[in-house]
Amino acid sequence: MNVEQARFNMIEQQIRPWDVLDAHVLELLAVVKREDFVPPAFRALAFADMQIPLSDNEAGIAAGQVMLEPRIEARILQDLQVAKHEKVLEIGTGSGFMAALLGHRAQRVLSLEIDNGLAAFARANLQRAGVLNVEVRVADGATADLSAEGPFDVIALSGSVGVVPERLVQMLKPGGRLMGIVGGEPIMRATLVQQAATGALVTQPWDEKVPRLLNFPEPSRFKF
């Protein structure tokens, strides 16, 4: 496989047509080597428009341990508009690829991963890539006490949740942004929450289905 041609095709055929037109984001995707964040068994799929398993065991796959499609990661990065002076929280480190992208845009990134093995994998990937402003911490993003870390300029959820986590919205600075994919089958919507002086502004710019982040609350369902 011609890796650089595959990377070029990923950007031009998958990412740009998905309305990712920010030149800085596209340039970053050309620089950060996605293939170095993929488990060796799946490296041939690094540039494919698919979710890539981060575990070869059934439990990991059932738990939604995947790298998201490149176009989704790119669109989240573009929509969050991370600036160089900002502090970012990511929930769901996975392989560390999204954390690496965020690290290139932000001043500092704290990324929480519930799985010890994935956290170690992500740390090694980030170190090898020379991304030194990302801290990967083993923690449950649904319940972790972040009072000593917040507030944050940006919060990125690298997975879906049933409802917008109000606890995390409260950790945003004025002007801060939170983005995650919210809802349940058959429709999930990318949801951007911006903390404004008049309250939280919510937009849902696109739809996509991705695996759940663990332990976040689900919406109550009406029963007869």
Protein backbone atom coordinates (compact mmCIF):
# COMPACT_ATOMS: atom_id res chain seq x y z
CA MET A 1 0.00 0.00 0.00
CA ASN A 2 1.20 3.48 -0.87
CA VAL A 3 0.62 5.08 2.53
CA GLU A 4 0.85 8.70 1.41
CA GLN A 5 -1.53 8.09 -1.49
CA ALA A 6 -3.96 6.38 0.89
CA ARG A 7 -3.73 9.35 3.26
CA PHE A 8 -4.33 11.78 0.40
CA ASN A 9 -7.34 9.75 -0.76
CA MET A 10 -8.74 9.69 2.80
CA ILE A 11 -8.59 13.48 3.00
CA GLU A 12 -9.85 14.23 -0.50
CA GLN A 13 -12.46 11.47 -0.92
CA GLN A 14 -13.81 11.03 2.62
CA ILE A 15 -13.08 14.08 4.73
CA ARG A 16 -13.30 17.09 2.40
CA PRO A 17 -16.64 15.94 0.87
CA TRP A 18 -18.04 15.83 4.42
CA ASP A 19 -17.79 19.63 4.58
CA VAL A 20 -14.46 19.62 6.38
CA LEU A 21 -12.93 22.61 4.63
CA ASP A 22 -10.80 24.16 7.39
CA ALA A 23 -7.32 24.27 5.87
CA HIS A 24 -5.65 23.87 9.28
CA VAL A 25 -7.65 20.71 10.04
CA LEU A 26 -6.91 19.21 6.63
CA GLU A 27 -3.22 20.01 6.98
CA LEU A 28 -3.15 18.40 10.43
CA LEU A 29 -4.71 15.21 9.09
CA ALA A 30 -1.93 15.08 6.52
CA VAL A 31 0.73 15.44 9.23
CA VAL A 32 -0.48 13.27 12.14
CA LYS A 33 0.14 9.69 11.07
CA ARG A 34 -3.16 7.92 11.67
CA GLU A 35 -1.65 4.53 10.85
CA ASP A 36 0.60 4.77 13.92
CA PHE A 37 -2.46 4.84 16.19
CA VAL A 38 -4.10 1.73 14.72
CA PRO A 39 -3.54 -1.72 16.31
CA PRO A 40 -1.05 -3.66 14.16
CA ALA A 41 -3.64 -6.28 13.21
CA PHE A 42 -5.82 -3.63 11.57
CA ARG A 43 -3.19 -1.27 10.18
CA ALA A 44 -4.19 -1.98 6.58
CA LEU A 45 -7.55 -0.38 7.43
CA ALA A 46 -6.06 2.83 8.84
CA PHE A 47 -7.45 5.07 6.09
CA ALA A 48 -10.74 3.26 5.47
CA ASP A 49 -14.12 4.93 6.01
CA MET A 50 -15.02 2.61 8.87
CA GLN A 51 -14.80 2.13 12.62
CA ILE A 52 -11.62 0.18 13.43
CA PRO A 53 -11.65 -2.25 16.37
CA LEU A 54 -9.13 -1.44 19.09
CA SER A 55 -9.41 -4.92 20.54
CA ASP A 56 -9.48 -8.36 18.96
CA ASN A 57 -11.59 -9.83 21.75
CA GLU A 58 -15.38 -9.97 21.74
CA ALA A 59 -15.74 -8.08 25.02
CA GLY A 60 -13.79 -5.10 23.71
CA ILE A 61 -15.73 -4.99 20.46
CA ALA A 62 -19.04 -5.32 22.35
CA ALA A 63 -17.99 -2.41 24.56
CA GLY A 64 -17.53 -0.23 21.48
CA GLN A 65 -13.74 0.04 21.66
CA VAL A 66 -13.14 1.47 18.19
CA MET A 67 -11.43 4.27 16.33
CA LEU A 68 -14.13 6.42 14.76
CA GLU A 69 -14.22 7.06 11.04
CA PRO A 70 -11.68 9.69 9.94
CA ARG A 71 -14.41 12.00 8.61
CA ILE A 72 -16.17 12.04 11.99
CA GLU A 73 -12.99 12.86 13.91
CA ALA A 74 -12.18 15.60 11.40
CA ARG A 75 -15.66 17.12 11.54
CA ILE A 76 -15.66 17.17 15.36
CA LEU A 77 -12.26 18.87 15.31
CA GLN A 78 -13.45 21.47 12.82
CA ASP A 79 -16.71 22.20 14.63
CA LEU A 80 -14.99 22.66 18.02
CA GLN A 81 -12.61 25.32 16.62
CA VAL A 82 -9.94 24.63 19.23
CA ALA A 83 -7.47 27.48 19.75
CA LYS A 84 -3.84 27.30 20.81
CA HIS A 85 -4.41 28.85 24.25
CA GLU A 86 -7.25 26.50 25.23
CA LYS A 87 -7.52 23.63 27.71
CA VAL A 88 -9.36 20.57 26.44
CA LEU A 89 -11.02 17.58 28.09
CA GLU A 90 -11.60 14.46 26.01
CA ILE A 91 -13.74 11.56 27.20
CA GLY A 92 -12.78 8.26 25.57
CA THR A 93 -9.11 8.24 24.58
CA GLY A 94 -9.18 5.01 22.60
CA SER A 95 -5.98 4.77 20.58
CA GLY A 96 -5.07 8.41 21.24
CA PHE A 97 -5.51 9.64 17.67
CA MET A 98 -8.19 12.22 18.44
CA ALA A 99 -6.19 13.30 21.50
CA ALA A 100 -3.19 13.84 19.23
CA LEU A 101 -5.24 16.00 16.86
CA LEU A 102 -6.59 18.01 19.79
CA GLY A 103 -3.09 18.31 21.24
CA HIS A 104 -1.81 19.92 18.06
CA ARG A 105 -4.57 22.55 18.28
CA ALA A 106 -4.70 23.20 22.06
CA GLN A 107 -2.43 24.26 24.87
CA ARG A 108 -3.19 21.18 26.98
CA VAL A 109 -5.40 18.11 26.69
CA LEU A 110 -6.61 15.84 29.48
CA SER A 111 -7.98 12.63 27.99
CA LEU A 112 -9.87 10.11 30.12
CA GLU A 113 -9.96 6.41 29.23
CA ILE A 114 -11.83 3.83 31.29
CA ASP A 115 -9.82 0.85 30.00
CA ASN A 116 -6.30 0.40 31.41
CA GLY A 117 -5.01 -1.42 28.34
CA LEU A 118 -6.25 1.21 25.92
CA ALA A 119 -4.84 4.00 28.09
CA ALA A 120 -1.39 2.39 27.96
CA PHE A 121 -1.70 1.90 24.19
CA ALA A 122 -2.68 5.55 23.71
CA ARG A 123 0.16 6.84 25.88
CA ALA A 124 2.70 4.86 23.86
CA ASN A 125 1.21 6.11 20.58
CA LEU A 126 1.25 9.73 21.72
CA GLN A 127 4.81 9.50 23.01
CA ARG A 128 6.01 7.97 19.76
CA ALA A 129 4.24 10.74 17.82
CA GLY A 130 5.93 13.40 19.95
CA VAL A 131 2.66 14.77 21.33
CA LEU A 132 3.74 15.94 24.76
CA ASN A 133 0.86 18.17 25.87
CA VAL A 134 -1.68 15.35 26.27
CA GLU A 135 -2.21 13.56 29.57
CA VAL A 136 -4.01 10.22 29.37
CA ARG A 137 -5.65 9.33 32.66
CA VAL A 138 -7.42 6.09 33.56
CA ALA A 139 -10.83 7.25 34.77
CA ASP A 140 -14.55 6.86 34.15
CA GLY A 141 -15.51 10.03 32.31
CA ALA A 142 -19.11 9.68 33.47
CA THR A 143 -18.23 10.07 37.15
CA ALA A 144 -14.63 11.31 37.47
CA ASP A 145 -14.06 14.20 39.88
CA LEU A 146 -12.52 16.92 37.72
CA SER A 147 -13.02 19.83 40.11
CA ALA A 148 -9.26 20.31 40.38
CA GLU A 149 -8.86 20.31 36.58
CA GLY A 150 -11.72 22.43 35.29
CA PRO A 151 -13.13 24.55 33.98
CA PHE A 152 -12.35 23.69 30.35
CA ASP A 153 -12.50 25.65 27.12
CA VAL A 154 -13.42 22.57 25.12
CA ILE A 155 -14.87 19.15 25.96
CA ALA A 156 -14.91 16.46 23.26
CA LEU A 157 -16.85 13.21 23.66
CA SER A 158 -15.26 10.53 21.49
CA GLY A 159 -18.35 8.36 21.52
CA SER A 160 -22.10 8.73 21.88
CA VAL A 161 -24.28 9.46 24.90
CA GLY A 162 -28.03 9.24 25.43
CA VAL A 163 -28.40 12.85 26.59
CA VAL A 164 -26.09 15.85 26.85
CA PRO A 165 -24.19 15.39 30.15
CA GLU A 166 -25.19 18.48 32.14
CA ARG A 167 -22.40 17.79 34.63
CA LEU A 168 -19.86 18.31 31.86
CA VAL A 169 -21.61 21.37 30.46
CA GLN A 170 -21.20 22.96 33.88
CA MET A 171 -17.42 22.46 33.54
CA LEU A 172 -17.20 24.78 30.52
CA LYS A 173 -15.69 28.22 30.76
CA PRO A 174 -17.71 31.16 29.39
CA GLY A 175 -17.48 30.76 25.64
CA GLY A 176 -16.54 27.09 26.02
CA ARG A 177 -17.78 24.34 23.71
CA LEU A 178 -18.79 20.73 24.26
CA MET A 179 -19.40 18.34 21.41
CA GLY A 180 -20.64 14.78 21.37
CA ILE A 181 -22.97 12.54 19.41
CA VAL A 182 -26.26 12.36 21.27
CA GLY A 183 -29.33 10.14 21.00
CA GLY A 184 -30.18 6.51 20.35
CA GLU A 185 -31.05 4.18 17.53
CA PRO A 186 -32.03 4.90 14.84
CA ILE A 187 -30.97 8.57 15.04
CA MET A 188 -27.99 10.12 16.76
CA ARG A 189 -27.07 13.76 16.25
CA ALA A 190 -23.76 15.55 16.61
CA THR A 191 -24.55 18.10 19.30
CA LEU A 192 -22.52 21.25 19.92
CA VAL A 193 -23.14 23.08 23.19
CA GLN A 194 -21.69 26.59 23.53
CA GLN A 195 -21.62 28.29 26.94
CA ALA A 196 -22.84 31.85 26.40
CA ALA A 197 -23.74 34.69 28.76
CA THR A 198 -27.44 34.02 28.10
CA GLY A 199 -27.09 30.27 28.75
CA ALA A 200 -26.14 27.22 26.75
CA LEU A 201 -26.64 27.43 22.99
CA VAL A 202 -27.25 24.05 21.35
CA THR A 203 -26.90 23.20 17.66
CA GLN A 204 -27.03 19.82 15.93
CA PRO A 205 -25.14 20.25 12.66
CA TRP A 206 -25.07 16.63 11.42
CA ASP A 207 -26.16 13.05 12.11
CA GLU A 208 -24.07 9.91 12.66
CA LYS A 209 -24.21 6.71 14.71
CA VAL A 210 -21.21 5.76 16.87
CA PRO A 211 -20.72 3.42 19.86
CA ARG A 212 -21.70 4.47 23.37
CA LEU A 213 -19.37 5.88 25.98
CA LEU A 214 -19.76 3.70 29.06
CA ASN A 215 -21.79 4.58 32.16
CA PHE A 216 -23.34 7.85 31.01
CA PRO A 217 -27.06 8.12 31.88
CA GLU A 218 -29.68 7.13 29.35
CA PRO A 219 -32.86 9.15 28.86
CA SER A 220 -35.85 7.90 30.81
CA ARG A 221 -38.31 5.99 28.65
CA PHE A 222 -42.07 6.35 29.01
CA LYS A 223 -43.82 3.14 29.96
CA PHE A 224 -47.55 2.41 29.84
